[in-house]
Amino acid sequence: MLVVCLCAEWCHVCGDYRSSFAQVKAAIQADHPQAQFLWLDVEDEADLLHPLDVDDFPTLLIALGDAPRFFGPLTPQPQTLERLVRSMAGEALGKALSDPVLHAAVARMRRL
């Protein structure tokens, strides 16, 4: 599982959310040690993310294997993030998002 938080350095909400993201990462990795969590600044990683548009912060991308399963803004609450990630981890056969741009972005992020 790949869980990516897409934020911006200038975003105060993201700054406050970063510690919550780290707490959820630790909780999830206790049960799913193979889960990869990334924190990406959309401006610092613009080349990696292009042509994805991120308009709202924080935005989350969750992929199982190479298949993106969730991409969108998320309320900055640790309980919401943990619930979403755990539900995605339990959906091994759930439907993947079909956007080829998301698939390409997941492939690039997997190499980080």
N, C-alpha and C. Protein backbone atom coordinates (compact mmCIF):
# COMPACT_ATOMS: atom_id res chain seq x y z
N MET A 1 0.86 -1.17 0.00
CA MET A 1 0.00 0.00 0.00
C MET A 1 0.90 1.23 0.00
N LEU A 2 0.52 2.20 -0.79
CA LEU A 2 1.20 3.49 -0.87
C LEU A 2 0.21 4.57 -0.44
N VAL A 3 0.61 5.37 0.54
CA VAL A 3 -0.22 6.47 1.04
C VAL A 3 0.60 7.74 0.90
N VAL A 4 0.10 8.67 0.09
CA VAL A 4 0.83 9.90 -0.19
C VAL A 4 -0.01 11.10 0.21
N CYS A 5 0.57 11.96 1.03
CA CYS A 5 -0.09 13.22 1.37
C CYS A 5 0.55 14.30 0.51
N LEU A 6 -0.28 14.98 -0.26
CA LEU A 6 0.18 16.05 -1.14
C LEU A 6 -0.19 17.38 -0.50
N CYS A 7 0.82 18.13 -0.15
CA CYS A 7 0.61 19.40 0.56
C CYS A 7 1.53 20.47 0.00
N ALA A 8 1.54 21.60 0.65
CA ALA A 8 2.42 22.70 0.26
C ALA A 8 3.03 23.29 1.53
N GLU A 9 4.29 23.66 1.43
CA GLU A 9 5.01 24.22 2.58
C GLU A 9 4.31 25.43 3.16
N TRP A 10 3.71 26.25 2.32
CA TRP A 10 3.08 27.50 2.76
C TRP A 10 1.72 27.27 3.41
N CYS A 11 1.18 26.08 3.29
CA CYS A 11 -0.16 25.78 3.81
C CYS A 11 -0.10 25.50 5.31
N HIS A 12 -0.72 26.36 6.10
CA HIS A 12 -0.71 26.19 7.55
C HIS A 12 -1.46 24.93 7.98
N VAL A 13 -2.53 24.59 7.29
CA VAL A 13 -3.28 23.36 7.60
C VAL A 13 -2.36 22.15 7.43
N CYS A 14 -1.59 22.15 6.35
CA CYS A 14 -0.67 21.03 6.10
C CYS A 14 0.40 20.95 7.19
N GLY A 15 0.92 22.10 7.58
CA GLY A 15 1.92 22.11 8.63
C GLY A 15 1.40 21.49 9.91
N ASP A 16 0.18 21.83 10.27
CA ASP A 16 -0.45 21.26 11.47
C ASP A 16 -0.74 19.76 11.30
N TYR A 17 -1.03 19.35 10.07
CA TYR A 17 -1.44 17.98 9.78
C TYR A 17 -0.27 17.01 9.73
N ARG A 18 0.92 17.52 9.52
CA ARG A 18 2.08 16.65 9.31
C ARG A 18 2.31 15.69 10.48
N SER A 19 2.16 16.17 11.70
CA SER A 19 2.36 15.29 12.86
C SER A 19 1.25 14.23 12.94
N SER A 20 0.04 14.60 12.57
CA SER A 20 -1.06 13.62 12.55
C SER A 20 -0.78 12.53 11.51
N PHE A 21 -0.26 12.94 10.35
CA PHE A 21 0.08 12.00 9.30
C PHE A 21 1.14 11.01 9.81
N ALA A 22 2.12 11.51 10.54
CA ALA A 22 3.18 10.65 11.09
C ALA A 22 2.60 9.69 12.13
N GLN A 23 1.66 10.14 12.94
CA GLN A 23 1.03 9.27 13.95
C GLN A 23 0.25 8.15 13.28
N VAL A 24 -0.50 8.49 12.25
CA VAL A 24 -1.29 7.48 11.53
C VAL A 24 -0.35 6.51 10.82
N LYS A 25 0.73 7.03 10.26
CA LYS A 25 1.73 6.16 9.61
C LYS A 25 2.22 5.11 10.60
N ALA A 26 2.58 5.51 11.80
CA ALA A 26 3.08 4.57 12.81
C ALA A 26 2.02 3.54 13.18
N ALA A 27 0.78 3.98 13.33
CA ALA A 27 -0.30 3.08 13.70
C ALA A 27 -0.57 2.06 12.59
N ILE A 28 -0.60 2.51 11.36
CA ILE A 28 -0.87 1.62 10.23
C ILE A 28 0.29 0.66 10.02
N GLN A 29 1.52 1.17 10.08
CA GLN A 29 2.67 0.30 9.84
C GLN A 29 2.86 -0.74 10.94
N ALA A 30 2.27 -0.53 12.11
CA ALA A 30 2.29 -1.55 13.15
C ALA A 30 1.54 -2.80 12.69
N ASP A 31 0.48 -2.60 11.91
CA ASP A 31 -0.33 -3.71 11.39
C ASP A 31 0.05 -4.10 9.96
N HIS A 32 0.56 -3.13 9.20
CA HIS A 32 0.90 -3.34 7.78
C HIS A 32 2.32 -2.78 7.55
N PRO A 33 3.36 -3.50 7.99
CA PRO A 33 4.71 -2.96 7.92
C PRO A 33 5.19 -2.67 6.49
N GLN A 34 4.55 -3.24 5.50
CA GLN A 34 4.94 -3.00 4.12
C GLN A 34 4.36 -1.69 3.57
N ALA A 35 3.47 -1.06 4.29
CA ALA A 35 2.84 0.19 3.82
C ALA A 35 3.89 1.29 3.71
N GLN A 36 3.84 2.00 2.61
CA GLN A 36 4.77 3.10 2.36
C GLN A 36 4.00 4.41 2.47
N PHE A 37 4.50 5.33 3.26
CA PHE A 37 3.88 6.63 3.45
C PHE A 37 4.85 7.70 2.95
N LEU A 38 4.34 8.61 2.14
CA LEU A 38 5.15 9.71 1.62
C LEU A 38 4.45 11.03 1.89
N TRP A 39 5.23 12.02 2.21
CA TRP A 39 4.76 13.40 2.35
C TRP A 39 5.41 14.17 1.22
N LEU A 40 4.62 14.67 0.28
CA LEU A 40 5.19 15.37 -0.87
C LEU A 40 4.68 16.80 -0.94
N ASP A 41 5.60 17.72 -1.08
CA ASP A 41 5.25 19.12 -1.30
C ASP A 41 4.99 19.28 -2.80
N VAL A 42 3.80 19.75 -3.14
CA VAL A 42 3.40 19.83 -4.55
C VAL A 42 4.27 20.79 -5.36
N GLU A 43 4.85 21.77 -4.69
CA GLU A 43 5.71 22.71 -5.41
C GLU A 43 7.12 22.15 -5.57
N ASP A 44 7.64 21.50 -4.54
CA ASP A 44 8.97 20.90 -4.63
C ASP A 44 8.99 19.71 -5.57
N GLU A 45 7.89 19.01 -5.67
CA GLU A 45 7.81 17.80 -6.49
C GLU A 45 6.93 18.00 -7.73
N ALA A 46 6.88 19.20 -8.25
CA ALA A 46 6.01 19.50 -9.39
C ALA A 46 6.31 18.61 -10.59
N ASP A 47 7.59 18.34 -10.85
CA ASP A 47 7.95 17.49 -11.98
C ASP A 47 7.45 16.06 -11.79
N LEU A 48 7.54 15.57 -10.57
CA LEU A 48 7.07 14.22 -10.26
C LEU A 48 5.56 14.12 -10.42
N LEU A 49 4.84 15.15 -10.03
CA LEU A 49 3.38 15.12 -10.03
C LEU A 49 2.75 15.51 -11.36
N HIS A 50 3.47 16.23 -12.19
CA HIS A 50 2.90 16.72 -13.45
C HIS A 50 2.33 15.56 -14.26
N PRO A 51 1.15 15.66 -14.78
CA PRO A 51 0.22 16.79 -14.87
C PRO A 51 -0.90 16.78 -13.84
N LEU A 52 -0.72 16.09 -12.71
CA LEU A 52 -1.76 16.10 -11.68
C LEU A 52 -1.98 17.51 -11.14
N ASP A 53 -3.22 17.86 -10.93
CA ASP A 53 -3.56 19.14 -10.32
C ASP A 53 -4.03 18.89 -8.89
N VAL A 54 -3.43 19.60 -7.97
CA VAL A 54 -3.83 19.51 -6.57
C VAL A 54 -4.27 20.91 -6.16
N ASP A 55 -5.55 21.05 -5.92
CA ASP A 55 -6.12 22.36 -5.61
C ASP A 55 -6.47 22.54 -4.14
N ASP A 56 -6.71 21.44 -3.44
CA ASP A 56 -7.11 21.50 -2.04
C ASP A 56 -6.10 20.73 -1.19
N PHE A 57 -5.87 21.25 0.00
CA PHE A 57 -4.90 20.63 0.90
C PHE A 57 -5.56 20.26 2.22
N PRO A 58 -5.18 19.14 2.80
CA PRO A 58 -4.32 18.11 2.23
C PRO A 58 -5.09 17.25 1.23
N THR A 59 -4.38 16.78 0.22
CA THR A 59 -4.93 15.84 -0.75
C THR A 59 -4.20 14.53 -0.54
N LEU A 60 -4.94 13.45 -0.60
CA LEU A 60 -4.39 12.13 -0.35
C LEU A 60 -4.48 11.26 -1.59
N LEU A 61 -3.44 10.49 -1.82
CA LEU A 61 -3.42 9.48 -2.87
C LEU A 61 -3.11 8.15 -2.20
N ILE A 62 -3.99 7.18 -2.40
CA ILE A 62 -3.78 5.84 -1.85
C ILE A 62 -3.78 4.87 -3.02
N ALA A 63 -2.76 4.01 -3.05
CA ALA A 63 -2.67 2.99 -4.10
C ALA A 63 -2.39 1.64 -3.46
N LEU A 64 -2.98 0.62 -4.03
CA LEU A 64 -2.67 -0.75 -3.66
C LEU A 64 -1.94 -1.35 -4.86
N GLY A 65 -0.72 -1.76 -4.64
CA GLY A 65 0.11 -2.17 -5.77
C GLY A 65 0.33 -0.95 -6.65
N ASP A 66 0.11 -1.11 -7.92
CA ASP A 66 0.25 0.02 -8.85
C ASP A 66 -1.09 0.68 -9.17
N ALA A 67 -2.14 0.25 -8.49
CA ALA A 67 -3.48 0.74 -8.81
C ALA A 67 -3.94 1.80 -7.81
N PRO A 68 -4.15 3.04 -8.27
CA PRO A 68 -4.68 4.06 -7.37
C PRO A 68 -6.11 3.72 -6.97
N ARG A 69 -6.41 3.87 -5.68
CA ARG A 69 -7.74 3.56 -5.16
C ARG A 69 -8.47 4.79 -4.64
N PHE A 70 -7.70 5.82 -4.24
CA PHE A 70 -8.32 7.04 -3.74
C PHE A 70 -7.42 8.20 -4.10
N PHE A 71 -8.04 9.29 -4.56
CA PHE A 71 -7.32 10.53 -4.83
C PHE A 71 -8.28 11.68 -4.59
N GLY A 72 -7.98 12.48 -3.57
CA GLY A 72 -8.83 13.62 -3.30
C GLY A 72 -8.49 14.29 -1.99
N PRO A 73 -9.11 15.44 -1.74
CA PRO A 73 -8.87 16.14 -0.48
C PRO A 73 -9.47 15.37 0.69
N LEU A 74 -8.89 15.59 1.85
CA LEU A 74 -9.32 14.89 3.05
C LEU A 74 -9.32 15.88 4.20
N THR A 75 -10.34 15.81 5.04
CA THR A 75 -10.34 16.69 6.21
C THR A 75 -9.13 16.35 7.06
N PRO A 76 -8.46 17.35 7.61
CA PRO A 76 -7.20 17.12 8.31
C PRO A 76 -7.38 16.61 9.74
N GLN A 77 -7.98 15.45 9.84
CA GLN A 77 -8.20 14.83 11.14
C GLN A 77 -7.57 13.44 11.12
N PRO A 78 -6.75 13.11 12.11
CA PRO A 78 -6.07 11.81 12.08
C PRO A 78 -7.03 10.62 12.06
N GLN A 79 -8.17 10.73 12.73
CA GLN A 79 -9.13 9.63 12.75
C GLN A 79 -9.67 9.35 11.34
N THR A 80 -9.92 10.41 10.60
CA THR A 80 -10.44 10.26 9.24
C THR A 80 -9.40 9.58 8.36
N LEU A 81 -8.16 10.03 8.46
CA LEU A 81 -7.09 9.43 7.67
C LEU A 81 -6.91 7.95 8.03
N GLU A 82 -6.86 7.63 9.30
CA GLU A 82 -6.65 6.24 9.70
C GLU A 82 -7.80 5.36 9.25
N ARG A 83 -9.02 5.83 9.40
CA ARG A 83 -10.19 5.05 8.97
C ARG A 83 -10.15 4.79 7.47
N LEU A 84 -9.80 5.82 6.68
CA LEU A 84 -9.74 5.66 5.23
C LEU A 84 -8.64 4.67 4.83
N VAL A 85 -7.46 4.83 5.41
CA VAL A 85 -6.35 3.95 5.05
C VAL A 85 -6.66 2.51 5.44
N ARG A 86 -7.21 2.30 6.61
CA ARG A 86 -7.55 0.93 7.04
C ARG A 86 -8.63 0.32 6.14
N SER A 87 -9.59 1.14 5.73
CA SER A 87 -10.64 0.60 4.85
C SER A 87 -10.05 0.25 3.48
N MET A 88 -9.13 1.05 2.99
CA MET A 88 -8.49 0.75 1.71
C MET A 88 -7.63 -0.51 1.82
N ALA A 89 -6.94 -0.68 2.94
CA ALA A 89 -6.09 -1.86 3.13
C ALA A 89 -6.93 -3.15 3.12
N GLY A 90 -8.17 -3.06 3.55
CA GLY A 90 -9.04 -4.21 3.57
C GLY A 90 -9.75 -4.48 2.26
N GLU A 91 -9.57 -3.62 1.27
CA GLU A 91 -10.25 -3.76 -0.02
C GLU A 91 -9.30 -4.24 -1.10
N ALA A 92 -8.66 -5.35 -0.89
CA ALA A 92 -7.69 -5.85 -1.86
C ALA A 92 -8.30 -6.04 -3.25
N LEU A 93 -9.59 -6.30 -3.30
CA LEU A 93 -10.23 -6.52 -4.60
C LEU A 93 -11.10 -5.35 -5.03
N GLY A 94 -10.98 -4.22 -4.32
CA GLY A 94 -11.78 -3.04 -4.67
C GLY A 94 -11.42 -2.51 -6.04
N LYS A 95 -12.27 -1.66 -6.54
CA LYS A 95 -12.08 -1.12 -7.89
C LYS A 95 -11.02 -0.02 -7.89
N ALA A 96 -10.10 -0.13 -8.82
CA ALA A 96 -9.05 0.88 -8.98
C ALA A 96 -9.60 2.06 -9.77
N LEU A 97 -9.02 3.22 -9.54
CA LEU A 97 -9.36 4.41 -10.33
C LEU A 97 -8.76 4.22 -11.72
N SER A 98 -9.47 4.65 -12.74
CA SER A 98 -9.03 4.37 -14.10
C SER A 98 -8.22 5.48 -14.75
N ASP A 99 -7.99 6.56 -14.07
CA ASP A 99 -7.27 7.71 -14.64
C ASP A 99 -5.82 7.34 -14.93
N PRO A 100 -5.41 7.37 -16.21
CA PRO A 100 -4.03 7.00 -16.55
C PRO A 100 -2.99 7.95 -15.97
N VAL A 101 -3.35 9.20 -15.72
CA VAL A 101 -2.43 10.15 -15.10
C VAL A 101 -2.11 9.72 -13.68
N LEU A 102 -3.13 9.25 -12.95
CA LEU A 102 -2.91 8.75 -11.60
C LEU A 102 -2.05 7.50 -11.60
N HIS A 103 -2.29 6.60 -12.54
CA HIS A 103 -1.49 5.39 -12.64
C HIS A 103 -0.02 5.74 -12.89
N ALA A 104 0.23 6.69 -13.75
CA ALA A 104 1.61 7.10 -14.04
C ALA A 104 2.24 7.75 -12.82
N ALA A 105 1.48 8.57 -12.09
CA ALA A 105 2.02 9.21 -10.89
C ALA A 105 2.36 8.18 -9.82
N VAL A 106 1.51 7.18 -9.65
CA VAL A 106 1.79 6.11 -8.68
C VAL A 106 3.08 5.40 -9.05
N ALA A 107 3.26 5.10 -10.31
CA ALA A 107 4.49 4.42 -10.75
C ALA A 107 5.72 5.27 -10.44
N ARG A 108 5.64 6.58 -10.66
CA ARG A 108 6.78 7.45 -10.36
C ARG A 108 7.03 7.52 -8.85
N MET A 109 5.97 7.58 -8.06
CA MET A 109 6.13 7.67 -6.60
C MET A 109 6.68 6.39 -6.02
N ARG A 110 6.36 5.28 -6.60
CA ARG A 110 6.86 3.98 -6.12
C ARG A 110 8.38 3.92 -6.19
N ARG A 111 8.96 4.71 -7.07
CA ARG A 111 10.42 4.69 -7.24
C ARG A 111 11.15 5.57 -6.23
N LEU A 112 10.38 6.32 -5.42
CA LEU A 112 11.03 7.20 -4.42
C LEU A 112 11.57 6.41 -3.26
